[in-house]
Amino acid sequence: MYRLILVVLLLTVLYFLLRQMFRGFTTPIQAVRKRSVAPAQDEEQDQMVEDPVCHIFVPKRIAVVETIGGREYCFCSQECSVKFRSEHPI
């Protein structure tokens, strides 16, 4: 009888260890922190912005961001940035 209880207990422990291993070794607190911080940053970086020169929408994380005349502009490429500066001298 004691052997059966011991085997069931060991199998239960083994199950939880394997489950933890396949899910990753993050504690519940770390998992909550990752979920709460990362989406806010990703959402801001994935915001689509319009290029004022060629009117193409690009994600802000890959846009060329420049401050011209105290205002922030986002461009799809460096060429569009140069063209905008030549058309709008300060």
Protein backbone atom coordinates (compact mmCIF):
# COMPACT_ATOMS: atom_id res chain seq x y z
CA MET A 1 0.00 0.00 0.00
CA TYR A 2 2.80 2.40 0.90
CA ARG A 3 4.58 1.59 -2.36
CA LEU A 4 1.50 2.55 -4.34
CA ILE A 5 1.20 5.89 -2.53
CA LEU A 6 4.92 6.54 -3.05
CA VAL A 7 4.69 5.72 -6.79
CA VAL A 8 1.65 8.00 -7.22
CA LEU A 9 3.42 10.81 -5.35
CA LEU A 10 6.59 10.44 -7.46
CA LEU A 11 4.60 10.36 -10.70
CA THR A 12 2.75 13.51 -9.64
CA VAL A 13 6.02 15.31 -8.89
CA LEU A 14 7.48 14.12 -12.19
CA TYR A 15 4.39 15.38 -14.04
CA PHE A 16 4.66 18.87 -12.54
CA LEU A 17 8.40 19.04 -13.21
CA LEU A 18 7.98 18.04 -16.85
CA ARG A 19 5.09 20.46 -17.29
CA GLN A 20 7.19 23.29 -15.86
CA MET A 21 10.11 22.36 -18.11
CA PHE A 22 8.01 22.43 -21.28
CA ARG A 23 6.35 25.72 -20.36
CA GLY A 24 9.64 27.39 -19.52
CA PHE A 25 11.18 28.24 -16.21
CA THR A 26 9.46 31.55 -15.56
CA THR A 27 7.77 32.19 -12.28
CA PRO A 28 4.18 33.47 -12.35
CA ILE A 29 5.39 36.95 -11.30
CA GLN A 30 7.88 37.10 -14.19
CA ALA A 31 5.22 35.95 -16.63
CA VAL A 32 2.85 38.73 -15.51
CA ARG A 33 5.60 41.35 -15.83
CA LYS A 34 6.47 40.20 -19.35
CA ARG A 35 2.83 40.28 -20.44
CA SER A 36 2.10 43.71 -18.94
CA VAL A 37 5.20 45.61 -20.15
CA ALA A 38 5.91 44.14 -23.57
CA PRO A 39 2.51 44.65 -25.26
CA ALA A 40 2.44 48.35 -24.39
CA GLN A 41 5.88 48.88 -25.94
CA ASP A 42 5.11 46.71 -28.95
CA GLU A 43 1.81 48.49 -29.53
CA GLU A 44 3.53 51.89 -29.56
CA GLN A 45 6.31 50.68 -31.86
CA ASP A 46 3.88 49.00 -34.27
CA GLN A 47 1.81 52.16 -34.68
CA MET A 48 1.47 53.00 -38.36
CA VAL A 49 2.63 56.51 -39.34
CA GLU A 50 2.25 58.25 -42.69
CA ASP A 51 5.22 59.57 -44.61
CA PRO A 52 4.47 63.24 -45.46
CA VAL A 53 6.29 63.03 -48.81
CA CYS A 54 5.08 59.84 -50.50
CA HIS A 55 2.10 59.16 -48.18
CA ILE A 56 3.11 55.57 -47.47
CA PHE A 57 2.22 54.13 -44.07
CA VAL A 58 5.11 52.47 -42.22
CA PRO A 59 5.44 51.04 -38.68
CA LYS A 60 7.01 53.59 -36.36
CA ARG A 61 9.72 51.13 -35.29
CA ILE A 62 11.24 51.08 -38.81
CA ALA A 63 10.49 54.68 -39.80
CA VAL A 64 13.18 57.34 -40.11
CA VAL A 65 12.19 59.76 -37.34
CA GLU A 66 13.47 63.34 -37.52
CA THR A 67 12.64 66.53 -35.68
CA ILE A 68 12.29 69.45 -38.08
CA GLY A 69 11.25 72.86 -36.82
CA GLY A 70 10.34 71.45 -33.40
CA ARG A 71 7.95 68.88 -34.87
CA GLU A 72 8.58 65.16 -35.21
CA TYR A 73 8.19 63.65 -38.69
CA CYS A 74 8.35 59.99 -39.64
CA PHE A 75 9.62 59.00 -43.09
CA CYS A 76 9.69 55.69 -44.94
CA SER A 77 13.30 56.25 -46.05
CA GLN A 78 16.24 58.61 -45.81
CA GLU A 79 15.54 59.79 -49.38
CA CYS A 80 12.06 61.01 -48.38
CA SER A 81 13.60 62.80 -45.40
CA VAL A 82 16.09 64.62 -47.64
CA LYS A 83 13.36 65.53 -50.14
CA PHE A 84 11.15 66.90 -47.33
CA ARG A 85 14.01 69.03 -45.96
CA SER A 86 14.71 70.44 -49.44
CA GLU A 87 11.03 71.33 -49.99
CA HIS A 88 10.55 72.78 -46.48
CA PRO A 89 13.63 74.82 -45.52
CA ILE A 90 13.66 76.20 -42.01
